[in-house]
């Protein structure tokens, strides 16, 4: 209750100060409000006057921003929901620790994964070969001396 009252009070103060600034800036003469000067009478160039075009562009921009914020929030909520679902599935399963041994007889090991999927082995070897060639090229092994 106190937070809502504080928020309403802050909003009312902001609205009142904006109204006061607008009223004082419309007064002619020197020193209506220090720091506020009306520099043009053209409504399209005055930041204190809203023309129909400026109002329309403001509402379109505000709608665009709010729509994107809601879309980003929904996307992040969906991603975190899927991640949490995967974590809950992994917690519900029996504890089968992964082993880094190269024994192909153990199904939950590096050797078992490489034996089941030889494309992983070939891809890993290709990646290492390309990495070694790039490292050698960057170190200058292929440049004539």
C-alpha atoms as a PDB file:
ATOM      1  CA  UNK A   1       0.000   0.000   0.000  1.00  0.00           C
ATOM      2  CA  UNK A   2       2.802   2.387   0.878  1.00  0.00           C
ATOM      3  CA  UNK A   3       4.669   1.574  -2.323  1.00  0.00           C
ATOM      4  CA  UNK A   4       1.610   2.220  -4.461  1.00  0.00           C
ATOM      5  CA  UNK A   5       1.008   5.530  -2.685  1.00  0.00           C
ATOM      6  CA  UNK A   6       4.666   6.482  -3.182  1.00  0.00           C
ATOM      7  CA  UNK A   7       4.480   5.597  -6.899  1.00  0.00           C
ATOM      8  CA  UNK A   8       1.296   7.625  -7.374  1.00  0.00           C
ATOM      9  CA  UNK A   9       2.881  10.558  -5.529  1.00  0.00           C
ATOM     10  CA  UNK A  10       5.985  10.455  -7.765  1.00  0.00           C
ATOM     11  CA  UNK A  11       3.837  10.341 -10.910  1.00  0.00           C
ATOM     12  CA  UNK A  12       1.741  13.295  -9.719  1.00  0.00           C
ATOM     13  CA  UNK A  13       4.878  15.306  -8.926  1.00  0.00           C
ATOM     14  CA  UNK A  14       6.271  14.592 -12.402  1.00  0.00           C
ATOM     15  CA  UNK A  15       3.009  15.571 -14.094  1.00  0.00           C
ATOM     16  CA  UNK A  16       2.742  18.748 -12.008  1.00  0.00           C
ATOM     17  CA  UNK A  17       6.318  19.786 -12.688  1.00  0.00           C
ATOM     18  CA  UNK A  18       5.862  19.214 -16.421  1.00  0.00           C
ATOM     19  CA  UNK A  19       2.678  21.292 -16.411  1.00  0.00           C
ATOM     20  CA  UNK A  20       4.398  24.063 -14.441  1.00  0.00           C
ATOM     21  CA  UNK A  21       7.382  24.066 -16.793  1.00  0.00           C
ATOM     22  CA  UNK A  22       5.096  24.268 -19.823  1.00  0.00           C
ATOM     23  CA  UNK A  23       3.066  27.125 -18.358  1.00  0.00           C
ATOM     24  CA  UNK A  24       6.113  29.112 -17.331  1.00  0.00           C
ATOM     25  CA  UNK A  25       7.862  28.611 -20.663  1.00  0.00           C
ATOM     26  CA  UNK A  26       4.885  30.075 -22.537  1.00  0.00           C
ATOM     27  CA  UNK A  27       5.192  33.320 -20.642  1.00  0.00           C
ATOM     28  CA  UNK A  28       6.943  36.062 -22.520  1.00  0.00           C
ATOM     29  CA  UNK A  29       9.590  38.152 -20.908  1.00  0.00           C
ATOM     30  CA  UNK A  30      12.848  37.408 -19.242  1.00  0.00           C
ATOM     31  CA  UNK A  31      13.360  34.922 -16.489  1.00  0.00           C
ATOM     32  CA  UNK A  32      10.123  32.938 -16.441  1.00  0.00           C
ATOM     33  CA  UNK A  33      12.045  29.806 -15.478  1.00  0.00           C
ATOM     34  CA  UNK A  34      15.829  29.639 -15.407  1.00  0.00           C
ATOM     35  CA  UNK A  35      17.193  27.441 -18.165  1.00  0.00           C
ATOM     36  CA  UNK A  36      13.945  27.156 -20.164  1.00  0.00           C
ATOM     37  CA  UNK A  37      13.699  29.309 -23.281  1.00  0.00           C
ATOM     38  CA  UNK A  38      11.286  29.044 -26.161  1.00  0.00           C
ATOM     39  CA  UNK A  39      13.527  29.139 -29.208  1.00  0.00           C
ATOM     40  CA  UNK A  40      10.889  28.966 -31.958  1.00  0.00           C
ATOM     41  CA  UNK A  41       7.205  29.593 -32.495  1.00  0.00           C
ATOM     42  CA  UNK A  42       6.981  26.861 -35.145  1.00  0.00           C
ATOM     43  CA  UNK A  43       5.091  23.940 -33.553  1.00  0.00           C
ATOM     44  CA  UNK A  44       7.035  21.365 -35.602  1.00  0.00           C
ATOM     45  CA  UNK A  45      10.333  22.620 -34.180  1.00  0.00           C
ATOM     46  CA  UNK A  46       9.195  23.203 -30.595  1.00  0.00           C
ATOM     47  CA  UNK A  47       9.722  20.345 -28.153  1.00  0.00           C
ATOM     48  CA  UNK A  48       7.003  21.667 -25.850  1.00  0.00           C
ATOM     49  CA  UNK A  49       4.225  21.465 -28.484  1.00  0.00           C
ATOM     50  CA  UNK A  50       2.851  18.238 -29.903  1.00  0.00           C
ATOM     51  CA  UNK A  51       1.681  18.308 -33.498  1.00  0.00           C
ATOM     52  CA  UNK A  52      -0.497  15.485 -34.869  1.00  0.00           C
ATOM     53  CA  UNK A  53       2.469  14.072 -36.785  1.00  0.00           C
ATOM     54  CA  UNK A  54       4.764  14.084 -33.743  1.00  0.00           C
ATOM     55  CA  UNK A  55       2.029  12.545 -31.571  1.00  0.00           C
ATOM     56  CA  UNK A  56       1.367   9.794 -34.103  1.00  0.00           C
ATOM     57  CA  UNK A  57       5.066   8.993 -34.432  1.00  0.00           C
ATOM     58  CA  UNK A  58       5.435   8.918 -30.649  1.00  0.00           C
ATOM     59  CA  UNK A  59       2.551   6.463 -30.221  1.00  0.00           C
ATOM     60  CA  UNK A  60       3.831   4.273 -33.064  1.00  0.00           C
ATOM     61  CA  UNK A  61       7.332   4.231 -31.573  1.00  0.00           C
ATOM     62  CA  UNK A  62       6.018   3.550 -28.046  1.00  0.00           C
ATOM     63  CA  UNK A  63       3.841   0.695 -29.387  1.00  0.00           C
ATOM     64  CA  UNK A  64       6.796  -0.745 -31.293  1.00  0.00           C
ATOM     65  CA  UNK A  65       9.038  -0.639 -28.227  1.00  0.00           C
ATOM     66  CA  UNK A  66       6.418  -2.170 -25.920  1.00  0.00           C
ATOM     67  CA  UNK A  67       5.627  -4.915 -28.450  1.00  0.00           C
ATOM     68  CA  UNK A  68       9.314  -5.771 -28.771  1.00  0.00           C
ATOM     69  CA  UNK A  69       9.794  -5.823 -25.011  1.00  0.00           C
ATOM     70  CA  UNK A  70       6.864  -8.207 -24.612  1.00  0.00           C
ATOM     71  CA  UNK A  71       8.199 -10.367 -27.459  1.00  0.00           C
ATOM     72  CA  UNK A  72      11.665 -10.501 -25.929  1.00  0.00           C
ATOM     73  CA  UNK A  73      10.174 -11.395 -22.546  1.00  0.00           C
ATOM     74  CA  UNK A  74       8.053 -14.167 -24.054  1.00  0.00           C
ATOM     75  CA  UNK A  75      11.031 -15.541 -25.984  1.00  0.00           C
ATOM     76  CA  UNK A  76      13.237 -15.575 -22.893  1.00  0.00           C
ATOM     77  CA  UNK A  77      10.447 -17.182 -20.843  1.00  0.00           C
ATOM     78  CA  UNK A  78      10.083 -19.917 -23.471  1.00  0.00           C
ATOM     79  CA  UNK A  79      13.852 -20.544 -23.570  1.00  0.00           C
ATOM     80  CA  UNK A  80      14.099 -20.754 -19.778  1.00  0.00           C
ATOM     81  CA  UNK A  81      11.047 -23.027 -19.646  1.00  0.00           C
ATOM     82  CA  UNK A  82      12.696 -25.459 -22.081  1.00  0.00           C
ATOM     83  CA  UNK A  83      15.983 -25.312 -20.172  1.00  0.00           C
ATOM     84  CA  UNK A  84      14.236 -25.939 -16.848  1.00  0.00           C
ATOM     85  CA  UNK A  85      12.311 -28.825 -18.389  1.00  0.00           C
ATOM     86  CA  UNK A  86      15.563 -30.423 -19.542  1.00  0.00           C
ATOM     87  CA  UNK A  87      17.121 -29.949 -16.120  1.00  0.00           C
ATOM     88  CA  UNK A  88      14.120 -31.569 -14.429  1.00  0.00           C
ATOM     89  CA  UNK A  89      14.319 -34.527 -16.847  1.00  0.00           C
ATOM     90  CA  UNK A  90      18.024 -34.952 -16.122  1.00  0.00           C
ATOM     91  CA  UNK A  91      17.428 -34.826 -12.369  1.00  0.00           C
ATOM     92  CA  UNK A  92      14.694 -37.465 -12.635  1.00  0.00           C
ATOM     93  CA  UNK A  93      16.944 -39.961 -14.433  1.00  0.00           C
ATOM     94  CA  UNK A  94      19.299 -42.328 -12.680  1.00  0.00           C
ATOM     95  CA  UNK A  95      22.784 -41.073 -12.030  1.00  0.00           C
ATOM     96  CA  UNK A  96      24.889 -42.417 -14.900  1.00  0.00           C
ATOM     97  CA  UNK A  97      28.146 -40.510 -14.741  1.00  0.00           C
ATOM     98  CA  UNK A  98      30.016 -39.849 -17.952  1.00  0.00           C
ATOM     99  CA  UNK A  99      33.504 -41.295 -18.040  1.00  0.00           C
ATOM    100  CA  UNK A 100      36.330 -39.997 -20.191  1.00  0.00           C
ATOM    101  CA  UNK A 101      37.861 -43.451 -20.713  1.00  0.00           C
ATOM    102  CA  UNK A 102      38.409 -44.629 -24.279  1.00  0.00           C
ATOM    103  CA  UNK A 103      36.975 -48.077 -23.560  1.00  0.00           C
ATOM    104  CA  UNK A 104      34.305 -48.811 -26.171  1.00  0.00           C
ATOM    105  CA  UNK A 105      32.695 -51.444 -23.916  1.00  0.00           C
ATOM    106  CA  UNK A 106      31.402 -48.842 -21.439  1.00  0.00           C
ATOM    107  CA  UNK A 107      28.312 -47.229 -23.009  1.00  0.00           C
ATOM    108  CA  UNK A 108      28.502 -43.972 -21.045  1.00  0.00           C
ATOM    109  CA  UNK A 109      32.087 -43.098 -21.865  1.00  0.00           C
ATOM    110  CA  UNK A 110      34.023 -41.168 -24.471  1.00  0.00           C
ATOM    111  CA  UNK A 111      35.120 -44.382 -26.169  1.00  0.00           C
ATOM    112  CA  UNK A 112      31.528 -45.667 -26.278  1.00  0.00           C
ATOM    113  CA  UNK A 113      30.284 -42.416 -27.855  1.00  0.00           C
ATOM    114  CA  UNK A 114      33.064 -42.470 -30.454  1.00  0.00           C
ATOM    115  CA  UNK A 115      32.356 -46.147 -31.268  1.00  0.00           C
ATOM    116  CA  UNK A 116      28.588 -45.517 -31.636  1.00  0.00           C
ATOM    117  CA  UNK A 117      29.053 -42.428 -33.806  1.00  0.00           C
ATOM    118  CA  UNK A 118      32.154 -42.561 -36.006  1.00  0.00           C
ATOM    119  CA  UNK A 119      31.220 -39.210 -37.556  1.00  0.00           C
ATOM    120  CA  UNK A 120      32.204 -37.583 -34.258  1.00  0.00           C
ATOM    121  CA  UNK A 121      35.654 -39.142 -34.500  1.00  0.00           C
ATOM    122  CA  UNK A 122      36.096 -38.077 -38.111  1.00  0.00           C
ATOM    123  CA  UNK A 123      34.839 -34.545 -37.362  1.00  0.00           C
ATOM    124  CA  UNK A 124      37.134 -34.245 -34.344  1.00  0.00           C
ATOM    125  CA  UNK A 125      40.152 -35.382 -36.369  1.00  0.00           C
ATOM    126  CA  UNK A 126      39.246 -32.994 -39.208  1.00  0.00           C
ATOM    127  CA  UNK A 127      38.885 -30.127 -36.727  1.00  0.00           C
ATOM    128  CA  UNK A 128      42.294 -30.913 -35.208  1.00  0.00           C
ATOM    129  CA  UNK A 129      43.939 -31.149 -38.654  1.00  0.00           C
ATOM    130  CA  UNK A 130      42.504 -27.816 -39.805  1.00  0.00           C
ATOM    131  CA  UNK A 131      43.469 -26.215 -36.480  1.00  0.00           C
ATOM    132  CA  UNK A 132      47.034 -27.536 -36.797  1.00  0.00           C
ATOM    133  CA  UNK A 133      47.291 -26.262 -40.397  1.00  0.00           C
ATOM    134  CA  UNK A 134      45.986 -22.803 -39.431  1.00  0.00           C
ATOM    135  CA  UNK A 135      48.369 -22.635 -36.489  1.00  0.00           C
ATOM    136  CA  UNK A 136      51.283 -23.610 -38.714  1.00  0.00           C
ATOM    137  CA  UNK A 137      50.255 -21.008 -41.314  1.00  0.00           C
ATOM    138  CA  UNK A 138      49.969 -18.282 -38.692  1.00  0.00           C
ATOM    139  CA  UNK A 139      53.373 -19.182 -37.275  1.00  0.00           C
ATOM    140  CA  UNK A 140      54.916 -18.893 -40.749  1.00  0.00           C
ATOM    141  CA  UNK A 141      55.868 -22.507 -41.501  1.00  0.00           C
ATOM    142  CA  UNK A 142      54.621 -22.233 -45.101  1.00  0.00           C
ATOM    143  CA  UNK A 143      56.381 -18.970 -46.016  1.00  0.00           C
ATOM    144  CA  UNK A 144      59.489 -19.325 -48.182  1.00  0.00           C
ATOM    145  CA  UNK A 145      62.713 -18.116 -46.617  1.00  0.00           C
END
